[in-house]
N, C-alpha and C. Protein backbone atom coordinates (compact mmCIF):
# COMPACT_ATOMS: atom_id res chain seq x y z
N MET A 1 124.75 69.32 125.67
CA MET A 1 124.97 70.69 125.80
C MET A 1 125.60 71.97 124.61
N LYS A 2 126.18 71.05 123.89
CA LYS A 2 126.30 71.78 122.46
C LYS A 2 125.18 72.02 121.81
N PHE A 3 124.11 71.58 122.07
CA PHE A 3 123.26 72.26 120.97
C PHE A 3 122.66 73.43 121.47
N PHE A 4 122.35 73.39 123.06
CA PHE A 4 121.98 74.97 123.29
C PHE A 4 123.12 75.62 123.41
N LYS A 5 124.28 75.66 123.07
CA LYS A 5 125.43 76.39 122.59
C LYS A 5 124.77 76.96 120.95
N LEU A 6 124.66 76.27 120.54
CA LEU A 6 124.31 76.54 118.92
C LEU A 6 122.93 77.18 118.89
N ALA A 7 122.09 76.74 119.57
CA ALA A 7 120.68 77.37 119.60
C ALA A 7 121.21 79.05 120.19
N LYS A 8 121.91 78.79 121.13
CA LYS A 8 121.95 80.34 121.90
C LYS A 8 122.99 81.11 120.96
N LYS A 9 123.91 81.09 119.93
CA LYS A 9 124.57 81.57 119.53
C LYS A 9 123.96 81.62 117.77
N PHE A 10 122.91 80.90 117.33
CA PHE A 10 121.73 81.30 116.37
C PHE A 10 121.02 82.66 116.89
N HIS A 11 120.49 82.48 118.37
CA HIS A 11 119.45 83.47 118.68
C HIS A 11 120.17 84.98 118.93
N ASN A 12 121.62 84.68 119.07
CA ASN A 12 122.27 86.31 119.52
C ASN A 12 122.75 86.90 117.93
N GLU A 13 122.80 86.06 116.95
CA GLU A 13 123.78 86.69 115.84
C GLU A 13 122.38 87.54 114.84
N GLU A 14 122.73 88.70 114.39
CA GLU A 14 122.08 89.33 113.98
C GLU A 14 122.16 90.31 112.39
N GLU A 15 122.74 89.34 112.12
CA GLU A 15 123.35 89.55 110.78
C GLU A 15 122.40 89.25 109.66
N GLY A 16 121.58 88.02 109.78
CA GLY A 16 120.49 87.75 108.72
C GLY A 16 119.56 89.09 108.79
N ALA A 17 119.26 89.86 109.83
CA ALA A 17 118.04 90.07 110.18
C ALA A 17 117.63 91.20 109.04
N VAL A 18 119.31 92.00 108.91
CA VAL A 18 119.46 92.98 107.63
C VAL A 18 118.84 92.46 106.74
N THR A 19 118.75 91.22 106.15
CA THR A 19 118.97 91.11 104.90
C THR A 19 117.06 90.57 104.52
N VAL A 20 116.83 90.14 106.07
CA VAL A 20 114.84 89.72 105.72
C VAL A 20 114.37 91.58 106.01
N ASP A 21 115.28 92.09 106.33
CA ASP A 21 114.39 93.58 106.41
C ASP A 21 114.25 94.15 105.10
N TRP A 22 115.10 93.76 104.06
CA TRP A 22 115.83 94.46 103.00
C TRP A 22 114.47 93.68 102.02
N VAL A 23 114.51 92.09 101.93
CA VAL A 23 113.76 91.53 101.17
C VAL A 23 112.00 92.02 101.48
N VAL A 24 111.61 92.27 102.83
CA VAL A 24 110.41 92.11 103.09
C VAL A 24 110.70 93.96 102.43
N LEU A 25 111.39 94.84 102.29
CA LEU A 25 111.01 96.65 102.30
C LEU A 25 111.04 96.03 100.23
N THR A 26 111.45 95.57 99.74
CA THR A 26 112.19 95.38 98.52
C THR A 26 110.40 94.42 97.96
N ALA A 27 109.80 93.51 98.87
CA ALA A 27 108.37 92.82 98.08
C ALA A 27 107.06 93.67 98.70
N ALA A 28 107.70 94.67 99.33
CA ALA A 28 106.96 95.86 99.07
C ALA A 28 106.88 96.90 98.46
N VAL A 29 107.86 97.20 98.01
CA VAL A 29 107.57 98.01 97.05
C VAL A 29 107.18 97.47 95.22
N VAL A 30 107.85 96.75 95.45
CA VAL A 30 107.30 95.38 94.08
C VAL A 30 106.21 95.62 94.30
N GLY A 31 105.25 95.28 95.42
CA GLY A 31 103.66 95.45 95.37
C GLY A 31 103.32 96.90 94.99
N LEU A 32 103.58 97.93 95.36
CA LEU A 32 103.35 99.13 95.32
C LEU A 32 103.26 99.49 94.24
N GLY A 33 104.41 98.72 93.25
CA GLY A 33 104.20 99.61 92.05
C GLY A 33 102.90 98.76 90.70
N VAL A 34 103.53 97.13 91.12
CA VAL A 34 102.13 96.67 90.37
C VAL A 34 100.38 96.94 90.72
N ALA A 35 100.47 97.41 92.11
CA ALA A 35 98.97 97.86 92.24
C ALA A 35 98.85 99.51 91.88
N ALA A 36 99.66 100.05 91.58
CA ALA A 36 100.00 101.37 90.56
C ALA A 36 99.84 101.46 89.24
N LEU A 37 100.36 100.27 88.61
CA LEU A 37 100.09 99.47 87.35
C LEU A 37 98.93 99.11 87.32
N ALA A 38 98.44 98.36 88.11
CA ALA A 38 96.93 97.81 87.55
C ALA A 38 96.21 98.92 87.97
N ALA A 39 96.34 99.82 88.90
CA ALA A 39 95.47 100.92 88.73
C ALA A 39 95.14 101.83 87.77
N VAL A 40 96.32 102.52 86.85
CA VAL A 40 96.97 102.83 85.72
C VAL A 40 96.26 102.31 84.62
N LYS A 41 96.21 100.76 84.49
CA LYS A 41 96.40 100.55 83.09
C LYS A 41 94.81 100.20 82.75
N THR A 42 93.69 100.52 83.28
CA THR A 42 92.59 100.66 82.70
C THR A 42 92.07 101.76 82.10
N GLY A 43 92.86 102.56 82.80
CA GLY A 43 92.14 104.45 82.30
C GLY A 43 93.22 104.86 81.39
N THR A 44 94.73 104.32 81.14
CA THR A 44 95.19 104.19 79.69
C THR A 44 94.77 103.80 78.86
N GLY A 45 94.42 102.70 78.59
CA GLY A 45 93.95 101.95 77.75
C GLY A 45 92.79 102.53 76.94
N SER A 46 91.80 103.25 77.66
CA SER A 46 90.60 103.96 77.23
C SER A 46 91.68 105.60 76.57
N LEU A 47 92.27 105.57 77.51
CA LEU A 47 92.61 107.14 76.92
C LEU A 47 93.33 106.99 75.25
N SER A 48 94.32 105.77 75.38
CA SER A 48 94.91 105.66 74.11
C SER A 48 93.71 104.83 73.49
N THR A 49 92.88 104.73 73.45
CA THR A 49 91.61 104.28 72.36
C THR A 49 91.15 105.71 71.77
N LYS A 50 90.50 106.71 72.70
CA LYS A 50 90.61 108.21 72.64
C LYS A 50 91.53 108.89 71.24
N ILE A 51 92.62 108.86 71.73
CA ILE A 51 93.71 109.95 71.05
C ILE A 51 94.10 109.04 69.54
N ASN A 52 94.28 108.12 69.62
CA ASN A 52 94.04 106.77 68.03
C ASN A 52 92.96 107.59 67.12
N ASN A 53 91.71 107.45 67.81
CA ASN A 53 90.22 107.43 66.92
C ASN A 53 90.54 109.20 66.58
N TYR A 54 91.13 110.19 67.80
CA TYR A 54 90.92 111.67 67.52
C TYR A 54 92.31 112.06 66.35
N LEU A 55 93.34 111.38 65.99
CA LEU A 55 94.52 110.70 65.78
C LEU A 55 93.86 110.76 64.11
N ALA A 56 93.27 109.34 64.36
CA ALA A 56 92.92 109.05 63.15
C ALA A 56 91.72 109.76 61.75
N SER A 57 91.21 110.33 62.94
CA SER A 57 90.04 111.75 62.16
C SER A 57 90.93 112.80 61.76
N GLN A 58 91.76 113.03 62.10
CA GLN A 58 92.49 114.49 61.56
C GLN A 58 93.29 113.79 59.94
N SER A 59 93.31 114.86 59.27
CA SER A 59 93.83 115.43 58.03
C SER A 59 94.98 115.79 57.98
N ILE A 60 96.07 115.27 56.87
CA ILE A 60 97.29 116.19 57.11
C ILE A 60 97.43 116.69 55.36
N ASN A 61 97.08 118.16 55.53
CA ASN A 61 97.18 119.39 53.88
C ASN A 61 98.53 119.08 54.04
N SER A 62 99.30 118.57 52.66
CA SER A 62 100.75 118.38 52.42
C SER A 62 101.01 119.85 51.24
N THR A 63 99.87 120.47 51.02
CA THR A 63 100.22 121.31 50.03
C THR A 63 100.04 123.08 50.53
N PHE A 64 100.91 123.63 49.93
CA PHE A 64 101.35 124.93 50.91
C PHE A 64 100.23 126.28 49.79
């Protein structure tokens, strides 16, 4: 009988449910951040190479 009382008490408590919700929401936000980073990573590498080539081809006039 003691086991059934313990099981019923465990079933009725809802404190841990909020923690589980926050863990799931945090994991979803982190997952979306990683997905966004992966989507942007390839484009930024190409763009930075183009910017580097453009800036390397420019000359600086140091005389007035």
